[in-house]
Amino acid sequence: MGQQQLYLLVLAIILVGIAVAVGMNRFSTSAAEANRDQLILDLNFLSVAAQSYYKKQASYGGGGQSFTGWELPEYFKDYEIGKIRIKIKKRRNEVTIKATGTEIGRDGKKVVNIEAKVKATSFKIKIKN
């Protein structure tokens, strides 16, 4: 009887180990998805903010049909969820907003990476990782 209980104990330890490994994998996948979703939400907000600046007259603190002078809001300069950078392309009259997260992305090597291209009347968000 003691031998059988020992086998059951070993089997139970193996099953618990497998369950813990699967749980950790699901948690890290969930964390990456949550990080990606938050970055997408914030890029949507920033894209609309950039378009608002573009459309607002210069006399009211806007760009007057230009993205030149638009800056990242203060909150996003010290951003806990990742890093956000903007690049204003004057010739194309376009803003590129790049966001890198804190969690490992889909490729399993690099962090979450998303990019938004903002124009006067539209914007497109592309998930890179």
N, C-alpha and C. Protein backbone atom coordinates (compact mmCIF):
# COMPACT_ATOMS: atom_id res chain seq x y z
N MET A 1 0.81 -1.19 0.00
CA MET A 1 0.00 0.00 0.00
C MET A 1 0.86 1.26 0.00
N GLY A 2 1.99 1.29 0.66
CA GLY A 2 2.86 2.44 0.73
C GLY A 2 3.45 2.80 -0.62
N GLN A 3 3.77 1.78 -1.42
CA GLN A 3 4.33 2.00 -2.77
C GLN A 3 3.30 2.70 -3.66
N GLN A 4 2.04 2.26 -3.58
CA GLN A 4 0.99 2.84 -4.41
C GLN A 4 0.75 4.32 -4.02
N GLN A 5 0.78 4.63 -2.75
CA GLN A 5 0.60 6.01 -2.30
C GLN A 5 1.75 6.90 -2.76
N LEU A 6 2.94 6.32 -2.77
CA LEU A 6 4.10 7.07 -3.25
C LEU A 6 3.95 7.41 -4.73
N TYR A 7 3.48 6.44 -5.53
CA TYR A 7 3.25 6.69 -6.96
C TYR A 7 2.18 7.76 -7.17
N LEU A 8 1.12 7.71 -6.38
CA LEU A 8 0.07 8.71 -6.48
C LEU A 8 0.58 10.10 -6.10
N LEU A 9 1.43 10.16 -5.09
CA LEU A 9 2.01 11.43 -4.68
C LEU A 9 2.89 12.01 -5.79
N VAL A 10 3.72 11.19 -6.40
CA VAL A 10 4.59 11.63 -7.51
C VAL A 10 3.73 12.10 -8.69
N LEU A 11 2.68 11.35 -9.00
CA LEU A 11 1.78 11.72 -10.09
C LEU A 11 1.10 13.06 -9.80
N ALA A 12 0.66 13.24 -8.56
CA ALA A 12 0.02 14.50 -8.17
C ALA A 12 0.99 15.67 -8.29
N ILE A 13 2.24 15.48 -7.89
CA ILE A 13 3.26 16.54 -8.00
C ILE A 13 3.51 16.90 -9.46
N ILE A 14 3.57 15.91 -10.32
CA ILE A 14 3.77 16.16 -11.76
C ILE A 14 2.59 16.93 -12.33
N LEU A 15 1.37 16.54 -11.99
CA LEU A 15 0.19 17.23 -12.51
C LEU A 15 0.12 18.67 -12.02
N VAL A 16 0.46 18.89 -10.76
CA VAL A 16 0.47 20.25 -10.23
C VAL A 16 1.54 21.09 -10.94
N GLY A 17 2.70 20.50 -11.20
CA GLY A 17 3.76 21.21 -11.93
C GLY A 17 3.33 21.60 -13.33
N ILE A 18 2.65 20.69 -14.01
CA ILE A 18 2.15 20.99 -15.36
C ILE A 18 1.11 22.10 -15.29
N ALA A 19 0.21 22.02 -14.32
CA ALA A 19 -0.83 23.05 -14.18
C ALA A 19 -0.22 24.42 -13.91
N VAL A 20 0.81 24.48 -13.09
CA VAL A 20 1.48 25.75 -12.79
C VAL A 20 2.15 26.30 -14.05
N ALA A 21 2.80 25.43 -14.83
CA ALA A 21 3.47 25.88 -16.05
C ALA A 21 2.46 26.43 -17.06
N VAL A 22 1.34 25.74 -17.21
CA VAL A 22 0.30 26.20 -18.14
C VAL A 22 -0.28 27.53 -17.65
N GLY A 23 -0.50 27.65 -16.36
CA GLY A 23 -1.03 28.90 -15.79
C GLY A 23 -0.10 30.06 -16.01
N MET A 24 1.20 29.84 -15.82
CA MET A 24 2.18 30.92 -16.03
C MET A 24 2.21 31.34 -17.48
N ASN A 25 2.12 30.38 -18.40
CA ASN A 25 2.12 30.68 -19.83
C ASN A 25 0.90 31.52 -20.19
N ARG A 26 -0.26 31.14 -19.69
CA ARG A 26 -1.48 31.90 -19.97
C ARG A 26 -1.41 33.30 -19.37
N PHE A 27 -0.82 33.42 -18.20
CA PHE A 27 -0.70 34.73 -17.56
C PHE A 27 0.18 35.65 -18.39
N SER A 28 1.32 35.16 -18.86
CA SER A 28 2.22 36.02 -19.65
C SER A 28 1.58 36.40 -20.98
N THR A 29 0.82 35.49 -21.58
CA THR A 29 0.10 35.80 -22.81
C THR A 29 -0.94 36.87 -22.55
N SER A 30 -1.64 36.74 -21.44
CA SER A 30 -2.65 37.72 -21.06
C SER A 30 -2.03 39.08 -20.80
N ALA A 31 -0.89 39.11 -20.15
CA ALA A 31 -0.21 40.37 -19.85
C ALA A 31 0.20 41.07 -21.14
N ALA A 32 0.71 40.32 -22.11
CA ALA A 32 1.11 40.91 -23.38
C ALA A 32 -0.10 41.47 -24.13
N GLU A 33 -1.21 40.74 -24.13
CA GLU A 33 -2.42 41.21 -24.80
C GLU A 33 -2.95 42.48 -24.13
N ALA A 34 -2.93 42.51 -22.79
CA ALA A 34 -3.40 43.69 -22.07
C ALA A 34 -2.51 44.89 -22.38
N ASN A 35 -1.19 44.68 -22.44
CA ASN A 35 -0.25 45.75 -22.77
C ASN A 35 -0.52 46.27 -24.18
N ARG A 36 -0.72 45.35 -25.12
CA ARG A 36 -0.99 45.72 -26.51
C ARG A 36 -2.31 46.50 -26.60
N ASP A 37 -3.35 46.02 -25.93
CA ASP A 37 -4.65 46.69 -25.97
C ASP A 37 -4.57 48.11 -25.40
N GLN A 38 -3.85 48.28 -24.31
CA GLN A 38 -3.71 49.61 -23.71
C GLN A 38 -2.96 50.56 -24.63
N LEU A 39 -1.91 50.06 -25.27
CA LEU A 39 -1.16 50.90 -26.21
C LEU A 39 -2.01 51.31 -27.40
N ILE A 40 -2.82 50.38 -27.91
CA ILE A 40 -3.71 50.70 -29.03
C ILE A 40 -4.71 51.78 -28.62
N LEU A 41 -5.27 51.63 -27.42
CA LEU A 41 -6.21 52.63 -26.92
C LEU A 41 -5.56 54.00 -26.81
N ASP A 42 -4.35 54.04 -26.28
CA ASP A 42 -3.64 55.32 -26.13
C ASP A 42 -3.23 55.90 -27.48
N LEU A 43 -2.87 55.05 -28.44
CA LEU A 43 -2.54 55.56 -29.77
C LEU A 43 -3.77 56.14 -30.46
N ASN A 44 -4.94 55.53 -30.22
CA ASN A 44 -6.18 56.11 -30.73
C ASN A 44 -6.38 57.51 -30.17
N PHE A 45 -6.21 57.64 -28.86
CA PHE A 45 -6.35 58.94 -28.20
C PHE A 45 -5.37 59.96 -28.77
N LEU A 46 -4.10 59.57 -28.90
CA LEU A 46 -3.08 60.49 -29.40
C LEU A 46 -3.32 60.86 -30.85
N SER A 47 -3.81 59.93 -31.65
CA SER A 47 -4.10 60.22 -33.06
C SER A 47 -5.19 61.27 -33.18
N VAL A 48 -6.23 61.13 -32.38
CA VAL A 48 -7.31 62.11 -32.39
C VAL A 48 -6.82 63.46 -31.86
N ALA A 49 -5.96 63.43 -30.85
CA ALA A 49 -5.40 64.68 -30.31
C ALA A 49 -4.56 65.39 -31.37
N ALA A 50 -3.79 64.63 -32.14
CA ALA A 50 -2.97 65.23 -33.20
C ALA A 50 -3.86 65.84 -34.28
N GLN A 51 -4.92 65.14 -34.65
CA GLN A 51 -5.84 65.67 -35.66
C GLN A 51 -6.55 66.91 -35.15
N SER A 52 -6.89 66.92 -33.89
CA SER A 52 -7.52 68.09 -33.29
C SER A 52 -6.59 69.30 -33.35
N TYR A 53 -5.32 69.07 -33.03
CA TYR A 53 -4.32 70.14 -33.11
C TYR A 53 -4.21 70.65 -34.55
N TYR A 54 -4.19 69.73 -35.50
CA TYR A 54 -4.07 70.08 -36.91
C TYR A 54 -5.23 70.99 -37.35
N LYS A 55 -6.44 70.66 -36.92
CA LYS A 55 -7.63 71.38 -37.38
C LYS A 55 -7.86 72.70 -36.66
N LYS A 56 -7.29 72.84 -35.47
CA LYS A 56 -7.51 74.06 -34.69
C LYS A 56 -6.68 75.20 -35.26
N GLN A 57 -7.26 76.38 -35.29
CA GLN A 57 -6.57 77.55 -35.81
C GLN A 57 -5.36 77.89 -34.94
N ALA A 58 -4.34 78.42 -35.56
CA ALA A 58 -3.10 78.77 -34.84
C ALA A 58 -3.38 79.82 -33.76
N SER A 59 -4.31 80.71 -34.02
CA SER A 59 -4.62 81.75 -33.03
C SER A 59 -5.26 81.17 -31.77
N TYR A 60 -5.79 79.95 -31.85
CA TYR A 60 -6.39 79.27 -30.69
C TYR A 60 -5.48 78.20 -30.12
N GLY A 61 -4.23 78.21 -30.52
CA GLY A 61 -3.26 77.26 -29.98
C GLY A 61 -3.15 75.97 -30.76
N GLY A 62 -3.62 75.97 -31.97
CA GLY A 62 -3.54 74.78 -32.81
C GLY A 62 -2.47 74.90 -33.87
N GLY A 63 -2.52 73.99 -34.82
CA GLY A 63 -1.51 73.99 -35.87
C GLY A 63 -1.89 74.75 -37.10
N GLY A 64 -3.17 75.07 -37.26
CA GLY A 64 -3.61 75.82 -38.44
C GLY A 64 -3.32 75.06 -39.71
N GLN A 65 -3.84 73.84 -39.82
CA GLN A 65 -3.65 72.95 -40.97
C GLN A 65 -2.22 72.40 -41.08
N SER A 66 -1.57 72.25 -39.93
CA SER A 66 -0.22 71.68 -39.89
C SER A 66 -0.02 70.94 -38.56
N PHE A 67 0.75 69.86 -38.60
CA PHE A 67 1.07 69.13 -37.38
C PHE A 67 2.30 69.73 -36.67
N THR A 68 2.99 70.63 -37.35
CA THR A 68 4.19 71.24 -36.79
C THR A 68 3.86 71.94 -35.47
N GLY A 69 4.61 71.60 -34.44
CA GLY A 69 4.39 72.19 -33.13
C GLY A 69 3.60 71.29 -32.18
N TRP A 70 2.97 70.24 -32.71
CA TRP A 70 2.23 69.33 -31.82
C TRP A 70 3.23 68.52 -31.00
N GLU A 71 2.96 68.42 -29.72
CA GLU A 71 3.84 67.69 -28.82
C GLU A 71 3.07 66.61 -28.09
N LEU A 72 3.80 65.64 -27.62
CA LEU A 72 3.22 64.57 -26.82
C LEU A 72 2.73 65.16 -25.50
N PRO A 73 1.50 64.86 -25.09
CA PRO A 73 1.01 65.36 -23.79
C PRO A 73 1.93 64.91 -22.66
N GLU A 74 2.00 65.71 -21.63
CA GLU A 74 2.92 65.49 -20.50
C GLU A 74 2.78 64.09 -19.90
N TYR A 75 1.56 63.60 -19.80
CA TYR A 75 1.31 62.27 -19.20
C TYR A 75 2.09 61.17 -19.92
N PHE A 76 2.22 61.28 -21.22
CA PHE A 76 2.85 60.22 -22.00
C PHE A 76 4.38 60.33 -22.04
N LYS A 77 4.93 61.38 -21.48
CA LYS A 77 6.38 61.51 -21.44
C LYS A 77 7.00 60.63 -20.36
N ASP A 78 6.27 60.37 -19.30
CA ASP A 78 6.72 59.46 -18.24
C ASP A 78 5.66 58.36 -18.13
N TYR A 79 5.66 57.47 -19.09
CA TYR A 79 4.59 56.50 -19.33
C TYR A 79 4.99 55.14 -18.77
N GLU A 80 4.20 54.62 -17.85
CA GLU A 80 4.54 53.36 -17.19
C GLU A 80 4.32 52.13 -18.07
N ILE A 81 3.45 52.23 -19.04
CA ILE A 81 3.07 51.08 -19.86
C ILE A 81 4.06 50.82 -20.98
N GLY A 82 4.89 51.77 -21.28
CA GLY A 82 5.87 51.62 -22.35
C GLY A 82 6.48 52.96 -22.70
N LYS A 83 6.91 53.08 -23.94
CA LYS A 83 7.54 54.30 -24.41
C LYS A 83 6.85 54.74 -25.70
N ILE A 84 6.54 56.03 -25.78
CA ILE A 84 5.88 56.56 -26.97
C ILE A 84 6.74 57.67 -27.55
N ARG A 85 6.96 57.59 -28.86
CA ARG A 85 7.73 58.61 -29.57
C ARG A 85 6.91 59.12 -30.75
N ILE A 86 7.06 60.40 -31.06
CA ILE A 86 6.36 60.96 -32.22
C ILE A 86 7.38 61.52 -33.20
N LYS A 87 7.00 61.47 -34.46
CA LYS A 87 7.83 62.05 -35.51
C LYS A 87 6.90 62.77 -36.48
N ILE A 88 7.12 64.06 -36.63
CA ILE A 88 6.28 64.87 -37.52
C ILE A 88 6.98 64.99 -38.86
N LYS A 89 6.29 64.58 -39.91
CA LYS A 89 6.83 64.67 -41.27
C LYS A 89 6.17 65.86 -41.95
N LYS A 90 6.91 66.95 -42.04
CA LYS A 90 6.35 68.21 -42.55
C LYS A 90 5.96 68.12 -44.02
N ARG A 91 6.78 67.48 -44.82
CA ARG A 91 6.51 67.42 -46.26
C ARG A 91 5.22 66.65 -46.56
N ARG A 92 5.00 65.57 -45.85
CA ARG A 92 3.81 64.76 -46.08
C ARG A 92 2.62 65.24 -45.26
N ASN A 93 2.87 66.16 -44.34
CA ASN A 93 1.85 66.62 -43.41
C ASN A 93 1.24 65.42 -42.68
N GLU A 94 2.12 64.71 -41.98
CA GLU A 94 1.76 63.45 -41.34
C GLU A 94 2.55 63.30 -40.03
N VAL A 95 1.96 62.60 -39.08
CA VAL A 95 2.62 62.30 -37.82
C VAL A 95 2.71 60.78 -37.68
N THR A 96 3.88 60.30 -37.28
CA THR A 96 4.05 58.89 -36.96
C THR A 96 4.24 58.79 -35.46
N ILE A 97 3.41 57.95 -34.83
CA ILE A 97 3.50 57.74 -33.39
C ILE A 97 3.88 56.28 -33.17
N LYS A 98 5.02 56.05 -32.52
CA LYS A 98 5.48 54.69 -32.26
C LYS A 98 5.39 54.40 -30.76
N ALA A 99 4.84 53.25 -30.45
CA ALA A 99 4.70 52.84 -29.05
C ALA A 99 5.35 51.48 -28.85
N THR A 100 6.20 51.37 -27.86
CA THR A 100 6.78 50.09 -27.48
C THR A 100 6.33 49.79 -26.05
N GLY A 101 5.88 48.58 -25.85
CA GLY A 101 5.34 48.19 -24.55
C GLY A 101 6.41 47.65 -23.61
N THR A 102 5.94 47.06 -22.53
CA THR A 102 6.83 46.50 -21.52
C THR A 102 6.81 44.98 -21.51
N GLU A 103 5.87 44.38 -22.23
CA GLU A 103 5.73 42.92 -22.25
C GLU A 103 6.29 42.35 -23.55
N ILE A 104 6.73 41.10 -23.49
CA ILE A 104 7.24 40.41 -24.68
C ILE A 104 6.07 40.16 -25.63
N GLY A 105 6.28 40.45 -26.91
CA GLY A 105 5.22 40.35 -27.91
C GLY A 105 5.02 38.95 -28.46
N ARG A 106 4.36 38.89 -29.59
CA ARG A 106 3.96 37.62 -30.21
C ARG A 106 5.13 36.78 -30.68
N ASP A 107 6.23 37.41 -31.04
CA ASP A 107 7.38 36.64 -31.54
C ASP A 107 8.17 35.97 -30.41
N GLY A 108 7.88 36.36 -29.17
CA GLY A 108 8.56 35.74 -28.03
C GLY A 108 9.94 36.30 -27.73
N LYS A 109 10.37 37.31 -28.48
CA LYS A 109 11.71 37.86 -28.31
C LYS A 109 11.70 39.35 -28.00
N LYS A 110 10.92 40.11 -28.76
CA LYS A 110 10.90 41.56 -28.63
C LYS A 110 9.63 42.01 -27.92
N VAL A 111 9.66 43.24 -27.40
CA VAL A 111 8.50 43.77 -26.70
C VAL A 111 7.40 44.17 -27.69
N VAL A 112 6.21 44.37 -27.16
CA VAL A 112 5.06 44.80 -27.95
C VAL A 112 5.42 46.09 -28.68
N ASN A 113 5.07 46.18 -29.96
CA ASN A 113 5.46 47.31 -30.79
C ASN A 113 4.29 47.67 -31.70
N ILE A 114 3.84 48.92 -31.62
CA ILE A 114 2.69 49.38 -32.40
C ILE A 114 3.01 50.74 -32.99
N GLU A 115 2.47 51.01 -34.18
CA GLU A 115 2.73 52.28 -34.85
C GLU A 115 1.44 52.85 -35.40
N ALA A 116 1.28 54.16 -35.29
CA ALA A 116 0.13 54.87 -35.85
C ALA A 116 0.63 55.92 -36.83
N LYS A 117 0.01 55.97 -37.99
CA LYS A 117 0.29 57.02 -38.97
C LYS A 117 -0.95 57.90 -39.03
N VAL A 118 -0.74 59.18 -38.69
CA VAL A 118 -1.86 60.12 -38.57
C VAL A 118 -1.78 61.14 -39.70
N LYS A 119 -2.89 61.29 -40.40
CA LYS A 119 -3.03 62.33 -41.42
C LYS A 119 -4.15 63.26 -41.00
N ALA A 120 -4.43 64.27 -41.79
CA ALA A 120 -5.42 65.29 -41.43
C ALA A 120 -6.80 64.70 -41.18
N THR A 121 -7.21 63.74 -41.96
CA THR A 121 -8.58 63.22 -41.84
C THR A 121 -8.65 61.73 -41.52
N SER A 122 -7.51 61.09 -41.37
CA SER A 122 -7.54 59.64 -41.08
C SER A 122 -6.28 59.24 -40.31
N PHE A 123 -6.36 58.08 -39.71
CA PHE A 123 -5.18 57.49 -39.09
C PHE A 123 -5.28 55.98 -39.17
N LYS A 124 -4.11 55.35 -39.20
CA LYS A 124 -4.05 53.90 -39.30
C LYS A 124 -3.10 53.38 -38.23
N ILE A 125 -3.55 52.38 -37.50
CA ILE A 125 -2.72 51.78 -36.44
C ILE A 125 -2.31 50.39 -36.91
N LYS A 126 -1.00 50.12 -36.81
CA LYS A 126 -0.46 48.84 -37.26
C LYS A 126 0.26 48.16 -36.09
N ILE A 127 -0.12 46.92 -35.82
CA ILE A 127 0.53 46.15 -34.78
C ILE A 127 1.73 45.46 -35.41
N LYS A 128 2.91 45.78 -34.89
CA LYS A 128 4.13 45.20 -35.45
C LYS A 128 4.59 43.97 -34.66
N ASN A 129 4.24 43.90 -33.39
CA ASN A 129 4.59 42.73 -32.57
C ASN A 129 3.65 42.66 -31.40
